[in-house]
Amino acid sequence: MRNQRGPSNFEKRYESFRDDDGEWSFEIQEYQDDLNLITPSDVPATLTPKEAYRAVVFLEGFIQEKKSTEEWSDSALDKFSKFESTKEVEAVAKALRELSNQNEPN
């Protein structure tokens, strides 16, 4: 049985991208140019949950495509200016997914 205390291995994988308070240590805006290479329309600098959902769907699709063709390595990211590692791309996808799950104000 898995120990229910402490962060999961999945969460531990992305610890280097979180601050001491558990918040993401990067701003999504830092990756705007790279995300625009993946999405069919430009990603705005400040994302609503709906826009974050759209961006993460395309980013997760990119990740899945590269994994399915066994091209998921840091060299698959050469065309991007900010993404430096597959782990970083996955962390941004996780952050976008979290943002997309937030409720928008009425």
PDB file of N, CA and C in Angstrom:
ATOM      1  N   MET A   1       0.835  -1.186   0.000  1.00  0.00           N
ATOM      2  CA  MET A   1       0.000   0.000   0.000  1.00  0.00           C
ATOM      3  C   MET A   1       0.879   1.249   0.000  1.00  0.00           C
ATOM      4  N   ARG A   2       0.491   2.212  -0.765  1.00  0.00           N
ATOM      5  CA  ARG A   2       1.263   3.444  -0.883  1.00  0.00           C
ATOM      6  C   ARG A   2       1.112   4.299   0.365  1.00  0.00           C
ATOM      7  N   ASN A   3       2.205   4.887   0.789  1.00  0.00           N
ATOM      8  CA  ASN A   3       2.184   5.794   1.930  1.00  0.00           C
ATOM      9  C   ASN A   3       1.400   7.042   1.543  1.00  0.00           C
ATOM     10  N   GLN A   4       0.380   7.378   2.310  1.00  0.00           N
ATOM     11  CA  GLN A   4      -0.472   8.516   1.997  1.00  0.00           C
ATOM     12  C   GLN A   4       0.110   9.843   2.471  1.00  0.00           C
ATOM     13  N   ARG A   5       1.183   9.792   3.258  1.00  0.00           N
ATOM     14  CA  ARG A   5       1.795  11.028   3.746  1.00  0.00           C
ATOM     15  C   ARG A   5       2.875  11.500   2.791  1.00  0.00           C
ATOM     16  N   GLY A   6       3.038  12.815   2.741  1.00  0.00           N
ATOM     17  CA  GLY A   6       4.103  13.372   1.909  1.00  0.00           C
ATOM     18  C   GLY A   6       3.708  13.435   0.453  1.00  0.00           C
ATOM     19  N   PRO A   7       4.502  14.149  -0.333  1.00  0.00           N
ATOM     20  CA  PRO A   7       4.192  14.304  -1.759  1.00  0.00           C
ATOM     21  C   PRO A   7       4.426  13.002  -2.521  1.00  0.00           C
ATOM     22  N   SER A   8       3.647  12.807  -3.574  1.00  0.00           N
ATOM     23  CA  SER A   8       3.820  11.633  -4.419  1.00  0.00           C
ATOM     24  C   SER A   8       5.085  11.794  -5.258  1.00  0.00           C
ATOM     25  N   ASN A   9       5.508  10.699  -5.875  1.00  0.00           N
ATOM     26  CA  ASN A   9       6.665  10.772  -6.772  1.00  0.00           C
ATOM     27  C   ASN A   9       6.403  11.748  -7.914  1.00  0.00           C
ATOM     28  N   PHE A  10       5.153  11.793  -8.364  1.00  0.00           N
ATOM     29  CA  PHE A  10       4.771  12.723  -9.429  1.00  0.00           C
ATOM     30  C   PHE A  10       5.013  14.157  -8.977  1.00  0.00           C
ATOM     31  N   GLU A  11       4.567  14.477  -7.756  1.00  0.00           N
ATOM     32  CA  GLU A  11       4.762  15.830  -7.235  1.00  0.00           C
ATOM     33  C   GLU A  11       6.236  16.118  -6.993  1.00  0.00           C
ATOM     34  N   LYS A  12       6.971  15.134  -6.498  1.00  0.00           N
ATOM     35  CA  LYS A  12       8.401  15.319  -6.238  1.00  0.00           C
ATOM     36  C   LYS A  12       9.156  15.632  -7.527  1.00  0.00           C
ATOM     37  N   ARG A  13       8.709  15.073  -8.632  1.00  0.00           N
ATOM     38  CA  ARG A  13       9.374  15.290  -9.922  1.00  0.00           C
ATOM     39  C   ARG A  13       9.455  16.780 -10.254  1.00  0.00           C
ATOM     40  N   TYR A  14       8.476  17.537  -9.801  1.00  0.00           N
ATOM     41  CA  TYR A  14       8.397  18.954 -10.158  1.00  0.00           C
ATOM     42  C   TYR A  14       8.754  19.888  -9.005  1.00  0.00           C
ATOM     43  N   GLU A  15       9.314  19.345  -7.918  1.00  0.00           N
ATOM     44  CA  GLU A  15       9.678  20.171  -6.760  1.00  0.00           C
ATOM     45  C   GLU A  15      10.598  21.327  -7.129  1.00  0.00           C
ATOM     46  N   SER A  16      11.515  21.109  -8.044  1.00  0.00           N
ATOM     47  CA  SER A  16      12.471  22.163  -8.408  1.00  0.00           C
ATOM     48  C   SER A  16      11.787  23.356  -9.082  1.00  0.00           C
ATOM     49  N   PHE A  17      10.535  23.187  -9.494  1.00  0.00           N
ATOM     50  CA  PHE A  17       9.791  24.268 -10.137  1.00  0.00           C
ATOM     51  C   PHE A  17       8.803  24.938  -9.185  1.00  0.00           C
ATOM     52  N   ARG A  18       8.884  24.580  -7.907  1.00  0.00           N
ATOM     53  CA  ARG A  18       7.991  25.168  -6.899  1.00  0.00           C
ATOM     54  C   ARG A  18       8.815  25.886  -5.844  1.00  0.00           C
ATOM     55  N   ASP A  19       8.231  26.933  -5.250  1.00  0.00           N
ATOM     56  CA  ASP A  19       8.925  27.649  -4.183  1.00  0.00           C
ATOM     57  C   ASP A  19       8.617  26.992  -2.836  1.00  0.00           C
ATOM     58  N   ASP A  20       9.099  27.591  -1.761  1.00  0.00           N
ATOM     59  CA  ASP A  20       8.919  27.023  -0.425  1.00  0.00           C
ATOM     60  C   ASP A  20       7.457  26.939  -0.002  1.00  0.00           C
ATOM     61  N   ASP A  21       6.614  27.776  -0.591  1.00  0.00           N
ATOM     62  CA  ASP A  21       5.185  27.766  -0.268  1.00  0.00           C
ATOM     63  C   ASP A  21       4.397  26.793  -1.148  1.00  0.00           C
ATOM     64  N   GLY A  22       5.092  26.097  -2.037  1.00  0.00           N
ATOM     65  CA  GLY A  22       4.423  25.151  -2.922  1.00  0.00           C
ATOM     66  C   GLY A  22       3.848  25.774  -4.175  1.00  0.00           C
ATOM     67  N   GLU A  23       4.096  27.067  -4.362  1.00  0.00           N
ATOM     68  CA  GLU A  23       3.622  27.756  -5.565  1.00  0.00           C
ATOM     69  C   GLU A  23       4.634  27.553  -6.692  1.00  0.00           C
ATOM     70  N   TRP A  24       4.153  27.643  -7.926  1.00  0.00           N
ATOM     71  CA  TRP A  24       5.060  27.535  -9.066  1.00  0.00           C
ATOM     72  C   TRP A  24       6.062  28.676  -9.007  1.00  0.00           C
ATOM     73  N   SER A  25       7.314  28.384  -9.266  1.00  0.00           N
ATOM     74  CA  SER A  25       8.374  29.395  -9.174  1.00  0.00           C
ATOM     75  C   SER A  25       8.600  30.113 -10.504  1.00  0.00           C
ATOM     76  N   PHE A  26       7.738  29.895 -11.457  1.00  0.00           N
ATOM     77  CA  PHE A  26       7.835  30.572 -12.748  1.00  0.00           C
ATOM     78  C   PHE A  26       6.489  31.205 -13.066  1.00  0.00           C
ATOM     79  N   GLU A  27       6.509  32.116 -13.994  1.00  0.00           N
ATOM     80  CA  GLU A  27       5.288  32.742 -14.497  1.00  0.00           C
ATOM     81  C   GLU A  27       4.999  32.150 -15.873  1.00  0.00           C
ATOM     82  N   ILE A  28       3.762  31.799 -16.109  1.00  0.00           N
ATOM     83  CA  ILE A  28       3.374  31.227 -17.401  1.00  0.00           C
ATOM     84  C   ILE A  28       3.767  32.161 -18.547  1.00  0.00           C
ATOM     85  N   GLN A  29       3.697  33.476 -18.304  1.00  0.00           N
ATOM     86  CA  GLN A  29       4.033  34.450 -19.349  1.00  0.00           C
ATOM     87  C   GLN A  29       5.439  34.246 -19.894  1.00  0.00           C
ATOM     88  N   GLU A  30       6.335  33.696 -19.075  1.00  0.00           N
ATOM     89  CA  GLU A  30       7.707  33.441 -19.526  1.00  0.00           C
ATOM     90  C   GLU A  30       7.731  32.502 -20.734  1.00  0.00           C
ATOM     91  N   TYR A  31       6.710  31.671 -20.863  1.00  0.00           N
ATOM     92  CA  TYR A  31       6.665  30.642 -21.901  1.00  0.00           C
ATOM     93  C   TYR A  31       5.719  31.000 -23.046  1.00  0.00           C
ATOM     94  N   GLN A  32       5.243  32.229 -23.074  1.00  0.00           N
ATOM     95  CA  GLN A  32       4.256  32.637 -24.068  1.00  0.00           C
ATOM     96  C   GLN A  32       4.731  32.377 -25.500  1.00  0.00           C
ATOM     97  N   ASP A  33       5.952  32.759 -25.833  1.00  0.00           N
ATOM     98  CA  ASP A  33       6.455  32.555 -27.199  1.00  0.00           C
ATOM     99  C   ASP A  33       6.522  31.074 -27.553  1.00  0.00           C
ATOM    100  N   ASP A  34       6.972  30.246 -26.612  1.00  0.00           N
ATOM    101  CA  ASP A  34       7.052  28.807 -26.871  1.00  0.00           C
ATOM    102  C   ASP A  34       5.660  28.200 -27.024  1.00  0.00           C
ATOM    103  N   LEU A  35       4.729  28.612 -26.182  1.00  0.00           N
ATOM    104  CA  LEU A  35       3.358  28.106 -26.287  1.00  0.00           C
ATOM    105  C   LEU A  35       2.733  28.514 -27.614  1.00  0.00           C
ATOM    106  N   ASN A  36       3.072  29.707 -28.096  1.00  0.00           N
ATOM    107  CA  ASN A  36       2.527  30.171 -29.377  1.00  0.00           C
ATOM    108  C   ASN A  36       3.022  29.333 -30.555  1.00  0.00           C
ATOM    109  N   LEU A  37       4.140  28.642 -30.398  1.00  0.00           N
ATOM    110  CA  LEU A  37       4.623  27.738 -31.450  1.00  0.00           C
ATOM    111  C   LEU A  37       3.809  26.445 -31.502  1.00  0.00           C
ATOM    112  N   ILE A  38       3.089  26.149 -30.433  1.00  0.00           N
ATOM    113  CA  ILE A  38       2.334  24.900 -30.330  1.00  0.00           C
ATOM    114  C   ILE A  38       0.847  25.109 -30.593  1.00  0.00           C
ATOM    115  N   THR A  39       0.310  26.225 -30.136  1.00  0.00           N
ATOM    116  CA  THR A  39      -1.127  26.475 -30.255  1.00  0.00           C
ATOM    117  C   THR A  39      -1.459  27.137 -31.588  1.00  0.00           C
ATOM    118  N   PRO A  40      -2.668  26.891 -32.131  1.00  0.00           N
ATOM    119  CA  PRO A  40      -3.027  27.469 -33.426  1.00  0.00           C
ATOM    120  C   PRO A  40      -3.303  28.969 -33.383  1.00  0.00           C
ATOM    121  N   SER A  41      -3.623  29.501 -32.216  1.00  0.00           N
ATOM    122  CA  SER A  41      -3.789  30.953 -32.083  1.00  0.00           C
ATOM    123  C   SER A  41      -2.992  31.415 -30.870  1.00  0.00           C
ATOM    124  N   ASP A  42      -2.600  32.669 -30.886  1.00  0.00           N
ATOM    125  CA  ASP A  42      -1.699  33.176 -29.853  1.00  0.00           C
ATOM    126  C   ASP A  42      -2.274  33.047 -28.448  1.00  0.00           C
ATOM    127  N   VAL A  43      -1.399  32.698 -27.529  1.00  0.00           N
ATOM    128  CA  VAL A  43      -1.728  32.604 -26.113  1.00  0.00           C
ATOM    129  C   VAL A  43      -1.518  33.994 -25.516  1.00  0.00           C
ATOM    130  N   PRO A  44      -2.524  34.548 -24.832  1.00  0.00           N
ATOM    131  CA  PRO A  44      -2.344  35.875 -24.244  1.00  0.00           C
ATOM    132  C   PRO A  44      -1.371  35.849 -23.070  1.00  0.00           C
ATOM    133  N   ALA A  45      -0.823  37.000 -22.741  1.00  0.00           N
ATOM    134  CA  ALA A  45       0.144  37.092 -21.642  1.00  0.00           C
ATOM    135  C   ALA A  45      -0.493  36.740 -20.302  1.00  0.00           C
ATOM    136  N   THR A  46      -1.713  37.172 -20.092  1.00  0.00           N
ATOM    137  CA  THR A  46      -2.440  36.845 -18.867  1.00  0.00           C
ATOM    138  C   THR A  46      -3.580  35.914 -19.244  1.00  0.00           C
ATOM    139  N   LEU A  47      -3.548  34.709 -18.706  1.00  0.00           N
ATOM    140  CA  LEU A  47      -4.497  33.676 -19.098  1.00  0.00           C
ATOM    141  C   LEU A  47      -5.681  33.572 -18.149  1.00  0.00           C
ATOM    142  N   THR A  48      -6.861  33.453 -18.713  1.00  0.00           N
ATOM    143  CA  THR A  48      -8.034  33.072 -17.935  1.00  0.00           C
ATOM    144  C   THR A  48      -8.010  31.551 -17.828  1.00  0.00           C
ATOM    145  N   PRO A  49      -8.801  30.963 -16.944  1.00  0.00           N
ATOM    146  CA  PRO A  49      -8.861  29.502 -16.892  1.00  0.00           C
ATOM    147  C   PRO A  49      -9.234  28.872 -18.239  1.00  0.00           C
ATOM    148  N   LYS A  50     -10.132  29.513 -18.974  1.00  0.00           N
ATOM    149  CA  LYS A  50     -10.541  28.998 -20.286  1.00  0.00           C
ATOM    150  C   LYS A  50      -9.368  29.007 -21.271  1.00  0.00           C
ATOM    151  N   GLU A  51      -8.603  30.092 -21.271  1.00  0.00           N
ATOM    152  CA  GLU A  51      -7.441  30.198 -22.162  1.00  0.00           C
ATOM    153  C   GLU A  51      -6.337  29.232 -21.735  1.00  0.00           C
ATOM    154  N   ALA A  52      -6.186  29.045 -20.434  1.00  0.00           N
ATOM    155  CA  ALA A  52      -5.201  28.086 -19.928  1.00  0.00           C
ATOM    156  C   ALA A  52      -5.575  26.677 -20.369  1.00  0.00           C
ATOM    157  N   TYR A  53      -6.865  26.370 -20.349  1.00  0.00           N
ATOM    158  CA  TYR A  53      -7.333  25.056 -20.794  1.00  0.00           C
ATOM    159  C   TYR A  53      -6.973  24.835 -22.263  1.00  0.00           C
ATOM    160  N   ARG A  54      -7.242  25.827 -23.079  1.00  0.00           N
ATOM    161  CA  ARG A  54      -6.927  25.707 -24.511  1.00  0.00           C
ATOM    162  C   ARG A  54      -5.431  25.484 -24.713  1.00  0.00           C
ATOM    163  N   ALA A  55      -4.616  26.244 -23.999  1.00  0.00           N
ATOM    164  CA  ALA A  55      -3.162  26.110 -24.136  1.00  0.00           C
ATOM    165  C   ALA A  55      -2.679  24.748 -23.655  1.00  0.00           C
ATOM    166  N   VAL A  56      -3.206  24.281 -22.529  1.00  0.00           N
ATOM    167  CA  VAL A  56      -2.724  23.009 -21.983  1.00  0.00           C
ATOM    168  C   VAL A  56      -3.144  21.831 -22.854  1.00  0.00           C
ATOM    169  N   VAL A  57      -4.293  21.920 -23.487  1.00  0.00           N
ATOM    170  CA  VAL A  57      -4.714  20.837 -24.382  1.00  0.00           C
ATOM    171  C   VAL A  57      -3.695  20.661 -25.508  1.00  0.00           C
ATOM    172  N   PHE A  58      -3.257  21.758 -26.091  1.00  0.00           N
ATOM    173  CA  PHE A  58      -2.273  21.668 -27.169  1.00  0.00           C
ATOM    174  C   PHE A  58      -0.896  21.266 -26.646  1.00  0.00           C
ATOM    175  N   LEU A  59      -0.515  21.770 -25.471  1.00  0.00           N
ATOM    176  CA  LEU A  59       0.782  21.406 -24.900  1.00  0.00           C
ATOM    177  C   LEU A  59       0.806  19.928 -24.525  1.00  0.00           C
ATOM    178  N   GLU A  60      -0.253  19.438 -23.895  1.00  0.00           N
ATOM    179  CA  GLU A  60      -0.317  18.012 -23.558  1.00  0.00           C
ATOM    180  C   GLU A  60      -0.348  17.154 -24.819  1.00  0.00           C
ATOM    181  N   GLY A  61      -1.005  17.638 -25.869  1.00  0.00           N
ATOM    182  CA  GLY A  61      -1.002  16.926 -27.143  1.00  0.00           C
ATOM    183  C   GLY A  61       0.394  16.846 -27.738  1.00  0.00           C
ATOM    184  N   PHE A  62       1.134  17.941 -27.657  1.00  0.00           N
ATOM    185  CA  PHE A  62       2.524  17.962 -28.124  1.00  0.00           C
ATOM    186  C   PHE A  62       3.351  16.934 -27.352  1.00  0.00           C
ATOM    187  N   ILE A  63       3.201  16.923 -26.040  1.00  0.00           N
ATOM    188  CA  ILE A  63       3.946  15.976 -25.198  1.00  0.00           C
ATOM    189  C   ILE A  63       3.601  14.546 -25.587  1.00  0.00           C
ATOM    190  N   GLN A  64       2.310  14.247 -25.713  1.00  0.00           N
ATOM    191  CA  GLN A  64       1.877  12.888 -26.056  1.00  0.00           C
ATOM    192  C   GLN A  64       2.385  12.469 -27.428  1.00  0.00           C
ATOM    193  N   GLU A  65       2.343  13.379 -28.390  1.00  0.00           N
ATOM    194  CA  GLU A  65       2.836  13.068 -29.736  1.00  0.00           C
ATOM    195  C   GLU A  65       4.319  12.711 -29.696  1.00  0.00           C
ATOM    196  N   LYS A  66       5.105  13.508 -28.994  1.00  0.00           N
ATOM    197  CA  LYS A  66       6.547  13.246 -28.914  1.00  0.00           C
ATOM    198  C   LYS A  66       6.827  11.945 -28.170  1.00  0.00           C
ATOM    199  N   LYS A  67       6.060  11.675 -27.119  1.00  0.00           N
ATOM    200  CA  LYS A  67       6.253  10.426 -26.372  1.00  0.00           C
ATOM    201  C   LYS A  67       5.887   9.216 -27.231  1.00  0.00           C
ATOM    202  N   SER A  68       4.832   9.338 -28.027  1.00  0.00           N
ATOM    203  CA  SER A  68       4.381   8.201 -28.835  1.00  0.00           C
ATOM    204  C   SER A  68       5.343   7.881 -29.971  1.00  0.00           C
ATOM    205  N   THR A  69       6.122   8.864 -30.390  1.00  0.00           N
ATOM    206  CA  THR A  69       7.097   8.636 -31.457  1.00  0.00           C
ATOM    207  C   THR A  69       8.510   8.471 -30.902  1.00  0.00           C
ATOM    208  N   GLU A  70       8.587   8.316 -29.587  1.00  0.00           N
ATOM    209  CA  GLU A  70       9.860   8.122 -28.887  1.00  0.00           C
ATOM    210  C   GLU A  70      10.831   9.277 -29.126  1.00  0.00           C
ATOM    211  N   GLU A  71      10.293  10.462 -29.331  1.00  0.00           N
ATOM    212  CA  GLU A  71      11.115  11.656 -29.529  1.00  0.00           C
ATOM    213  C   GLU A  71      11.069  12.565 -28.306  1.00  0.00           C
ATOM    214  N   TRP A  72      10.610  12.036 -27.162  1.00  0.00           N
ATOM    215  CA  TRP A  72      10.466  12.876 -25.973  1.00  0.00           C
ATOM    216  C   TRP A  72      11.791  12.955 -25.241  1.00  0.00           C
ATOM    217  N   SER A  73      12.583  13.929 -25.644  1.00  0.00           N
ATOM    218  CA  SER A  73      13.879  14.176 -25.019  1.00  0.00           C
ATOM    219  C   SER A  73      14.133  15.676 -25.095  1.00  0.00           C
ATOM    220  N   ASP A  74      15.122  16.124 -24.374  1.00  0.00           N
ATOM    221  CA  ASP A  74      15.431  17.555 -24.373  1.00  0.00           C
ATOM    222  C   ASP A  74      15.742  18.076 -25.776  1.00  0.00           C
ATOM    223  N   SER A  75      16.275  17.220 -26.641  1.00  0.00           N
ATOM    224  CA  SER A  75      16.589  17.658 -28.007  1.00  0.00           C
ATOM    225  C   SER A  75      15.324  17.927 -28.828  1.00  0.00           C
ATOM    226  N   ALA A  76      14.191  17.387 -28.409  1.00  0.00           N
ATOM    227  CA  ALA A  76      12.924  17.664 -29.095  1.00  0.00           C
ATOM    228  C   ALA A  76      12.479  19.100 -28.872  1.00  0.00           C
ATOM    229  N   LEU A  77      13.166  19.796 -27.981  1.00  0.00           N
ATOM    230  CA  LEU A  77      12.783  21.161 -27.618  1.00  0.00           C
ATOM    231  C   LEU A  77      13.676  22.222 -28.248  1.00  0.00           C
ATOM    232  N   ASP A  78      14.525  21.823 -29.169  1.00  0.00           N
ATOM    233  CA  ASP A  78      15.498  22.746 -29.761  1.00  0.00           C
ATOM    234  C   ASP A  78      14.864  23.973 -30.418  1.00  0.00           C
ATOM    235  N   LYS A  79      13.647  23.847 -30.947  1.00  0.00           N
ATOM    236  CA  LYS A  79      13.019  24.983 -31.636  1.00  0.00           C
ATOM    237  C   LYS A  79      12.443  26.018 -30.671  1.00  0.00           C
ATOM    238  N   PHE A  80      12.443  25.711 -29.392  1.00  0.00           N
ATOM    239  CA  PHE A  80      11.868  26.613 -28.398  1.00  0.00           C
ATOM    240  C   PHE A  80      12.945  27.466 -27.744  1.00  0.00           C
ATOM    241  N   SER A  81      12.578  28.689 -27.388  1.00  0.00           N
ATOM    242  CA  SER A  81      13.565  29.586 -26.773  1.00  0.00           C
ATOM    243  C   SER A  81      13.634  29.437 -25.260  1.00  0.00           C
ATOM    244  N   LYS A  82      12.533  29.097 -24.611  1.00  0.00           N
ATOM    245  CA  LYS A  82      12.500  29.052 -23.146  1.00  0.00           C
ATOM    246  C   LYS A  82      12.531  27.627 -22.595  1.00  0.00           C
ATOM    247  N   PHE A  83      11.785  26.713 -23.200  1.00  0.00           N
ATOM    248  CA  PHE A  83      11.758  25.332 -22.715  1.00  0.00           C
ATOM    249  C   PHE A  83      13.144  24.718 -22.850  1.00  0.00           C
ATOM    250  N   GLU A  84      13.695  24.257 -21.732  1.00  0.00           N
ATOM    251  CA  GLU A  84      15.034  23.676 -21.755  1.00  0.00           C
ATOM    252  C   GLU A  84      15.055  22.180 -21.468  1.00  0.00           C
ATOM    253  N   SER A  85      13.991  21.657 -20.863  1.00  0.00           N
ATOM    254  CA  SER A  85      13.966  20.231 -20.541  1.00  0.00           C
ATOM    255  C   SER A  85      12.540  19.710 -20.626  1.00  0.00           C
ATOM    256  N   THR A  86      12.426  18.411 -20.825  1.00  0.00           N
ATOM    257  CA  THR A  86      11.098  17.805 -20.872  1.00  0.00           C
ATOM    258  C   THR A  86      10.397  17.968 -19.530  1.00  0.00           C
ATOM    259  N   LYS A  87      11.154  17.909 -18.470  1.00  0.00           N
ATOM    260  CA  LYS A  87      10.558  18.083 -17.141  1.00  0.00           C
ATOM    261  C   LYS A  87       9.975  19.491 -16.995  1.00  0.00           C
ATOM    262  N   GLU A  88      10.647  20.478 -17.552  1.00  0.00           N
ATOM    263  CA  GLU A  88      10.150  21.855 -17.506  1.00  0.00           C
ATOM    264  C   GLU A  88       8.850  21.987 -18.298  1.00  0.00           C
ATOM    265  N   VAL A  89       8.779  21.378 -19.471  1.00  0.00           N
ATOM    266  CA  VAL A  89       7.560  21.418 -20.283  1.00  0.00           C
ATOM    267  C   VAL A  89       6.413  20.767 -19.514  1.00  0.00           C
ATOM    268  N   GLU A  90       6.688  19.622 -18.899  1.00  0.00           N
ATOM    269  CA  GLU A  90       5.662  18.926 -18.125  1.00  0.00           C
ATOM    270  C   GLU A  90       5.203  19.766 -16.936  1.00  0.00           C
ATOM    271  N   ALA A  91       6.120  20.483 -16.296  1.00  0.00           N
ATOM    272  CA  ALA A  91       5.761  21.349 -15.164  1.00  0.00           C
ATOM    273  C   ALA A  91       4.862  22.492 -15.631  1.00  0.00           C
ATOM    274  N   VAL A  92       5.172  23.079 -16.778  1.00  0.00           N
ATOM    275  CA  VAL A  92       4.332  24.150 -17.320  1.00  0.00           C
ATOM    276  C   VAL A  92       2.946  23.593 -17.651  1.00  0.00           C
ATOM    277  N   ALA A  93       2.890  22.402 -18.215  1.00  0.00           N
ATOM    278  CA  ALA A  93       1.597  21.780 -18.511  1.00  0.00           C
ATOM    279  C   ALA A  93       0.804  21.559 -17.224  1.00  0.00           C
ATOM    280  N   LYS A  94       1.466  21.102 -16.191  1.00  0.00           N
ATOM    281  CA  LYS A  94       0.793  20.884 -14.902  1.00  0.00           C
ATOM    282  C   LYS A  94       0.278  22.208 -14.345  1.00  0.00           C
ATOM    283  N   ALA A  95       1.078  23.267 -14.425  1.00  0.00           N
ATOM    284  CA  ALA A  95       0.652  24.585 -13.943  1.00  0.00           C
ATOM    285  C   ALA A  95      -0.540  25.105 -14.756  1.00  0.00           C
ATOM    286  N   LEU A  96      -0.493  24.927 -16.066  1.00  0.00           N
ATOM    287  CA  LEU A  96      -1.612  25.342 -16.913  1.00  0.00           C
ATOM    288  C   LEU A  96      -2.871  24.553 -16.578  1.00  0.00           C
ATOM    289  N   ARG A  97      -2.715  23.262 -16.326  1.00  0.00           N
ATOM    290  CA  ARG A  97      -3.863  22.420 -15.971  1.00  0.00           C
ATOM    291  C   ARG A  97      -4.476  22.910 -14.657  1.00  0.00           C
ATOM    292  N   GLU A  98      -3.629  23.243 -13.688  1.00  0.00           N
ATOM    293  CA  GLU A  98      -4.136  23.766 -12.413  1.00  0.00           C
ATOM    294  C   GLU A  98      -4.887  25.077 -12.631  1.00  0.00           C
ATOM    295  N   LEU A  99      -4.323  25.960 -13.442  1.00  0.00           N
ATOM    296  CA  LEU A  99      -4.979  27.234 -13.739  1.00  0.00           C
ATOM    297  C   LEU A  99      -6.306  27.008 -14.456  1.00  0.00           C
ATOM    298  N   SER A 100      -6.338  26.066 -15.363  1.00  0.00           N
ATOM    299  CA  SER A 100      -7.567  25.807 -16.122  1.00  0.00           C
ATOM    300  C   SER A 100      -8.682  25.261 -15.238  1.00  0.00           C
ATOM    301  N   ASN A 101      -8.321  24.659 -14.121  1.00  0.00           N
ATOM    302  CA  ASN A 101      -9.317  24.094 -13.209  1.00  0.00           C
ATOM    303  C   ASN A 101      -9.863  25.112 -12.216  1.00  0.00           C
ATOM    304  N   GLN A 102      -9.327  26.327 -12.230  1.00  0.00           N
ATOM    305  CA  GLN A 102      -9.836  27.377 -11.343  1.00  0.00           C
ATOM    306  C   GLN A 102     -11.136  27.933 -11.907  1.00  0.00           C
ATOM    307  N   ASN A 103     -12.019  28.314 -11.026  1.00  0.00           N
ATOM    308  CA  ASN A 103     -13.295  28.899 -11.460  1.00  0.00           C
ATOM    309  C   ASN A 103     -13.095  30.346 -11.859  1.00  0.00           C
ATOM    310  N   GLU A 104     -13.693  30.709 -12.973  1.00  0.00           N
ATOM    311  CA  GLU A 104     -13.641  32.106 -13.409  1.00  0.00           C
ATOM    312  C   GLU A 104     -14.687  32.897 -12.630  1.00  0.00           C
ATOM    313  N   PRO A 105     -14.378  34.158 -12.312  1.00  0.00           N
ATOM    314  CA  PRO A 105     -15.383  34.987 -11.620  1.00  0.00           C
ATOM    315  C   PRO A 105     -16.596  35.211 -12.513  1.00  0.00           C
ATOM    316  N   ASN A 106     -17.736  35.357 -11.904  1.00  0.00           N
ATOM    317  CA  ASN A 106     -18.984  35.553 -12.668  1.00  0.00           C
ATOM    318  C   ASN A 106     -19.080  36.926 -13.243  1.00  0.00           C
TER     319      ASN A 106
END
